[in-house]
Amino acid sequence: MQAQDKLKRSDDVVSREVGGELVLLDLEGGQYFGLDQVGARVWELLGDEPQTIASLADDLAGEFDAPRERIEADLLDLATQMGAQGLVTRLEN
């Protein structure tokens, strides 16, 4: 994945807050996934509109006390993991 890649939530995933943690359920695969505070915020920011990793990093840099470059690198890792699990889809630019 790259910073300019656009991501969107998978249509086959539903989310619910459970005990202060955001839990995702992949309806197709039947697997559950838990997201920490940052992952939950990324999921929220994706909302209904696709977002680039760079724009997500810009948003998070204003909310969390970490260098933007670090946030973007962490987002690239998270996006890769979420993509591999089918939770998000990378759109063609």
N, C-alpha and C. Protein backbone atom coordinates (compact mmCIF):
# COMPACT_ATOMS: atom_id res chain seq x y z
N MET A 1 0.84 -1.18 0.00
CA MET A 1 0.00 0.00 0.00
C MET A 1 0.89 1.24 0.00
N GLN A 2 0.30 2.31 -0.52
CA GLN A 2 0.99 3.58 -0.57
C GLN A 2 0.09 4.67 0.00
N ALA A 3 0.70 5.80 0.34
CA ALA A 3 -0.03 6.89 1.00
C ALA A 3 -1.19 7.43 0.16
N GLN A 4 -1.07 7.36 -1.16
CA GLN A 4 -2.13 7.90 -2.02
C GLN A 4 -3.21 6.89 -2.36
N ASP A 5 -3.07 5.66 -1.86
CA ASP A 5 -4.10 4.65 -2.09
C ASP A 5 -5.37 5.03 -1.35
N LYS A 6 -6.50 4.87 -2.02
CA LYS A 6 -7.80 5.12 -1.39
C LYS A 6 -8.32 3.82 -0.81
N LEU A 7 -8.86 3.93 0.40
CA LEU A 7 -9.44 2.79 1.09
C LEU A 7 -10.92 3.01 1.33
N LYS A 8 -11.65 1.92 1.33
CA LYS A 8 -13.06 1.98 1.74
C LYS A 8 -13.34 0.76 2.59
N ARG A 9 -14.33 0.90 3.45
CA ARG A 9 -14.76 -0.22 4.27
C ARG A 9 -15.32 -1.31 3.37
N SER A 10 -15.08 -2.55 3.74
CA SER A 10 -15.68 -3.67 3.03
C SER A 10 -17.18 -3.68 3.31
N ASP A 11 -17.94 -4.00 2.29
CA ASP A 11 -19.41 -4.08 2.44
C ASP A 11 -19.83 -5.26 3.32
N ASP A 12 -18.93 -6.23 3.50
CA ASP A 12 -19.25 -7.44 4.25
C ASP A 12 -18.83 -7.36 5.72
N VAL A 13 -18.56 -6.15 6.21
CA VAL A 13 -18.09 -5.99 7.59
C VAL A 13 -19.04 -5.07 8.34
N VAL A 14 -19.42 -5.51 9.53
CA VAL A 14 -20.23 -4.68 10.43
C VAL A 14 -19.42 -4.41 11.69
N SER A 15 -19.73 -3.30 12.35
CA SER A 15 -18.98 -2.93 13.55
C SER A 15 -19.93 -2.62 14.70
N ARG A 16 -19.44 -2.89 15.90
CA ARG A 16 -20.18 -2.58 17.13
C ARG A 16 -19.17 -2.28 18.22
N GLU A 17 -19.54 -1.39 19.12
CA GLU A 17 -18.71 -1.13 20.29
C GLU A 17 -19.10 -2.14 21.37
N VAL A 18 -18.10 -2.81 21.92
CA VAL A 18 -18.33 -3.82 22.95
C VAL A 18 -17.29 -3.59 24.05
N GLY A 19 -17.76 -3.21 25.22
CA GLY A 19 -16.86 -3.02 26.35
C GLY A 19 -15.77 -2.00 26.11
N GLY A 20 -16.08 -0.93 25.41
CA GLY A 20 -15.11 0.12 25.15
C GLY A 20 -14.16 -0.16 23.99
N GLU A 21 -14.37 -1.26 23.29
CA GLU A 21 -13.53 -1.62 22.15
C GLU A 21 -14.43 -1.75 20.92
N LEU A 22 -13.90 -1.34 19.77
CA LEU A 22 -14.66 -1.51 18.54
C LEU A 22 -14.37 -2.91 17.99
N VAL A 23 -15.44 -3.66 17.75
CA VAL A 23 -15.31 -5.01 17.24
C VAL A 23 -15.91 -5.05 15.83
N LEU A 24 -15.16 -5.62 14.90
CA LEU A 24 -15.61 -5.78 13.53
C LEU A 24 -15.94 -7.25 13.29
N LEU A 25 -17.00 -7.49 12.56
CA LEU A 25 -17.38 -8.85 12.18
C LEU A 25 -17.39 -8.93 10.67
N ASP A 26 -16.57 -9.82 10.15
CA ASP A 26 -16.55 -10.12 8.73
C ASP A 26 -17.67 -11.11 8.47
N LEU A 27 -18.75 -10.65 7.87
CA LEU A 27 -19.92 -11.49 7.66
C LEU A 27 -19.63 -12.65 6.72
N GLU A 28 -18.76 -12.43 5.77
CA GLU A 28 -18.45 -13.48 4.80
C GLU A 28 -17.60 -14.59 5.44
N GLY A 29 -16.59 -14.18 6.20
CA GLY A 29 -15.69 -15.16 6.80
C GLY A 29 -16.07 -15.58 8.20
N GLY A 30 -16.97 -14.82 8.84
CA GLY A 30 -17.40 -15.15 10.19
C GLY A 30 -16.36 -14.89 11.26
N GLN A 31 -15.38 -14.04 10.97
CA GLN A 31 -14.34 -13.74 11.95
C GLN A 31 -14.58 -12.38 12.60
N TYR A 32 -14.19 -12.30 13.89
CA TYR A 32 -14.25 -11.06 14.64
C TYR A 32 -12.86 -10.46 14.73
N PHE A 33 -12.81 -9.11 14.75
CA PHE A 33 -11.55 -8.40 14.91
C PHE A 33 -11.78 -7.25 15.88
N GLY A 34 -10.84 -7.02 16.78
CA GLY A 34 -10.92 -5.90 17.72
C GLY A 34 -9.96 -4.81 17.30
N LEU A 35 -10.41 -3.57 17.42
CA LEU A 35 -9.58 -2.42 17.09
C LEU A 35 -9.31 -1.59 18.34
N ASP A 36 -8.07 -1.11 18.47
CA ASP A 36 -7.75 -0.21 19.56
C ASP A 36 -8.29 1.18 19.25
N GLN A 37 -7.97 2.15 20.08
CA GLN A 37 -8.51 3.51 19.93
C GLN A 37 -8.17 4.11 18.57
N VAL A 38 -6.95 3.96 18.13
CA VAL A 38 -6.54 4.54 16.85
C VAL A 38 -7.21 3.80 15.69
N GLY A 39 -7.20 2.47 15.75
CA GLY A 39 -7.86 1.70 14.71
C GLY A 39 -9.34 2.02 14.61
N ALA A 40 -9.99 2.18 15.76
CA ALA A 40 -11.40 2.55 15.78
C ALA A 40 -11.63 3.91 15.15
N ARG A 41 -10.72 4.83 15.41
CA ARG A 41 -10.85 6.18 14.82
C ARG A 41 -10.67 6.12 13.31
N VAL A 42 -9.74 5.30 12.84
CA VAL A 42 -9.55 5.12 11.40
C VAL A 42 -10.84 4.57 10.79
N TRP A 43 -11.43 3.56 11.42
CA TRP A 43 -12.68 2.98 10.93
C TRP A 43 -13.77 4.04 10.85
N GLU A 44 -13.85 4.87 11.88
CA GLU A 44 -14.84 5.95 11.90
C GLU A 44 -14.58 6.95 10.77
N LEU A 45 -13.32 7.33 10.57
CA LEU A 45 -12.99 8.30 9.52
C LEU A 45 -13.29 7.76 8.13
N LEU A 46 -13.16 6.45 7.94
CA LEU A 46 -13.48 5.88 6.64
C LEU A 46 -14.97 6.05 6.33
N GLY A 47 -15.80 5.94 7.35
CA GLY A 47 -17.23 6.21 7.19
C GLY A 47 -17.78 5.67 5.89
N ASP A 48 -18.55 6.50 5.21
CA ASP A 48 -19.18 6.09 3.96
C ASP A 48 -18.38 6.47 2.72
N GLU A 49 -17.37 7.31 2.90
CA GLU A 49 -16.60 7.80 1.77
C GLU A 49 -15.18 7.25 1.79
N PRO A 50 -14.68 6.77 0.66
CA PRO A 50 -13.28 6.33 0.61
C PRO A 50 -12.33 7.47 0.96
N GLN A 51 -11.22 7.12 1.60
CA GLN A 51 -10.22 8.10 2.02
C GLN A 51 -8.84 7.60 1.62
N THR A 52 -7.93 8.52 1.32
CA THR A 52 -6.54 8.11 1.10
C THR A 52 -5.87 7.92 2.46
N ILE A 53 -4.83 7.11 2.47
CA ILE A 53 -4.06 6.93 3.69
C ILE A 53 -3.45 8.27 4.11
N ALA A 54 -3.01 9.06 3.15
CA ALA A 54 -2.44 10.37 3.46
C ALA A 54 -3.45 11.28 4.14
N SER A 55 -4.70 11.29 3.65
CA SER A 55 -5.71 12.16 4.29
C SER A 55 -6.07 11.65 5.68
N LEU A 56 -6.09 10.33 5.85
CA LEU A 56 -6.32 9.78 7.19
C LEU A 56 -5.19 10.20 8.13
N ALA A 57 -3.95 10.16 7.65
CA ALA A 57 -2.80 10.57 8.46
C ALA A 57 -2.91 12.04 8.84
N ASP A 58 -3.35 12.87 7.91
CA ASP A 58 -3.53 14.30 8.21
C ASP A 58 -4.55 14.49 9.33
N ASP A 59 -5.67 13.78 9.23
CA ASP A 59 -6.71 13.89 10.26
C ASP A 59 -6.20 13.42 11.62
N LEU A 60 -5.52 12.28 11.64
CA LEU A 60 -5.04 11.73 12.91
C LEU A 60 -3.92 12.56 13.51
N ALA A 61 -3.11 13.20 12.67
CA ALA A 61 -2.02 14.03 13.19
C ALA A 61 -2.56 15.20 14.01
N GLY A 62 -3.76 15.66 13.67
CA GLY A 62 -4.38 16.73 14.44
C GLY A 62 -5.02 16.26 15.73
N GLU A 63 -5.18 14.95 15.89
CA GLU A 63 -5.87 14.39 17.04
C GLU A 63 -4.94 13.68 18.03
N PHE A 64 -3.83 13.14 17.54
CA PHE A 64 -2.94 12.36 18.38
C PHE A 64 -1.57 13.01 18.45
N ASP A 65 -0.90 12.85 19.56
CA ASP A 65 0.40 13.46 19.79
C ASP A 65 1.51 12.53 19.29
N ALA A 66 1.69 12.55 17.97
CA ALA A 66 2.75 11.76 17.34
C ALA A 66 3.12 12.45 16.03
N PRO A 67 4.36 12.28 15.60
CA PRO A 67 4.76 12.88 14.31
C PRO A 67 3.92 12.32 13.16
N ARG A 68 3.56 13.19 12.24
CA ARG A 68 2.72 12.77 11.11
C ARG A 68 3.36 11.62 10.33
N GLU A 69 4.66 11.65 10.14
CA GLU A 69 5.35 10.59 9.40
C GLU A 69 5.17 9.23 10.08
N ARG A 70 5.22 9.23 11.39
CA ARG A 70 5.02 8.00 12.16
C ARG A 70 3.59 7.51 12.02
N ILE A 71 2.65 8.45 12.08
CA ILE A 71 1.24 8.10 11.93
C ILE A 71 0.99 7.48 10.55
N GLU A 72 1.55 8.08 9.52
CA GLU A 72 1.36 7.55 8.17
C GLU A 72 1.96 6.15 8.04
N ALA A 73 3.15 5.95 8.59
CA ALA A 73 3.79 4.63 8.53
C ALA A 73 2.94 3.59 9.25
N ASP A 74 2.42 3.96 10.42
CA ASP A 74 1.56 3.04 11.17
C ASP A 74 0.26 2.76 10.41
N LEU A 75 -0.28 3.78 9.75
CA LEU A 75 -1.49 3.59 8.95
C LEU A 75 -1.25 2.66 7.78
N LEU A 76 -0.09 2.77 7.15
CA LEU A 76 0.24 1.87 6.05
C LEU A 76 0.26 0.42 6.53
N ASP A 77 0.84 0.20 7.71
CA ASP A 77 0.85 -1.15 8.28
C ASP A 77 -0.57 -1.62 8.60
N LEU A 78 -1.35 -0.77 9.25
CA LEU A 78 -2.72 -1.12 9.60
C LEU A 78 -3.55 -1.40 8.35
N ALA A 79 -3.42 -0.55 7.34
CA ALA A 79 -4.18 -0.73 6.10
C ALA A 79 -3.81 -2.05 5.42
N THR A 80 -2.54 -2.39 5.44
CA THR A 80 -2.09 -3.65 4.85
C THR A 80 -2.71 -4.83 5.59
N GLN A 81 -2.70 -4.78 6.91
CA GLN A 81 -3.28 -5.86 7.72
C GLN A 81 -4.80 -5.95 7.50
N MET A 82 -5.46 -4.80 7.51
CA MET A 82 -6.91 -4.80 7.33
C MET A 82 -7.28 -5.27 5.92
N GLY A 83 -6.48 -4.89 4.94
CA GLY A 83 -6.72 -5.34 3.57
C GLY A 83 -6.56 -6.85 3.45
N ALA A 84 -5.53 -7.39 4.10
CA ALA A 84 -5.28 -8.83 4.05
C ALA A 84 -6.42 -9.62 4.68
N GLN A 85 -7.09 -9.03 5.66
CA GLN A 85 -8.22 -9.69 6.33
C GLN A 85 -9.57 -9.41 5.64
N GLY A 86 -9.54 -8.58 4.59
CA GLY A 86 -10.77 -8.28 3.86
C GLY A 86 -11.66 -7.25 4.53
N LEU A 87 -11.09 -6.50 5.50
CA LEU A 87 -11.89 -5.50 6.21
C LEU A 87 -12.01 -4.19 5.44
N VAL A 88 -11.00 -3.88 4.63
CA VAL A 88 -11.02 -2.70 3.78
C VAL A 88 -10.62 -3.12 2.37
N THR A 89 -11.01 -2.30 1.42
CA THR A 89 -10.67 -2.53 0.02
C THR A 89 -9.89 -1.33 -0.49
N ARG A 90 -8.81 -1.62 -1.21
CA ARG A 90 -8.05 -0.54 -1.86
C ARG A 90 -8.67 -0.29 -3.22
N LEU A 91 -8.99 0.98 -3.46
CA LEU A 91 -9.59 1.36 -4.73
C LEU A 91 -8.51 1.76 -5.72
N GLU A 92 -8.76 1.49 -6.98
CA GLU A 92 -7.82 1.90 -8.02
C GLU A 92 -7.87 3.43 -8.14
N ASN A 93 -6.69 4.03 -8.23
CA ASN A 93 -6.62 5.51 -8.37
C ASN A 93 -6.90 5.93 -9.79
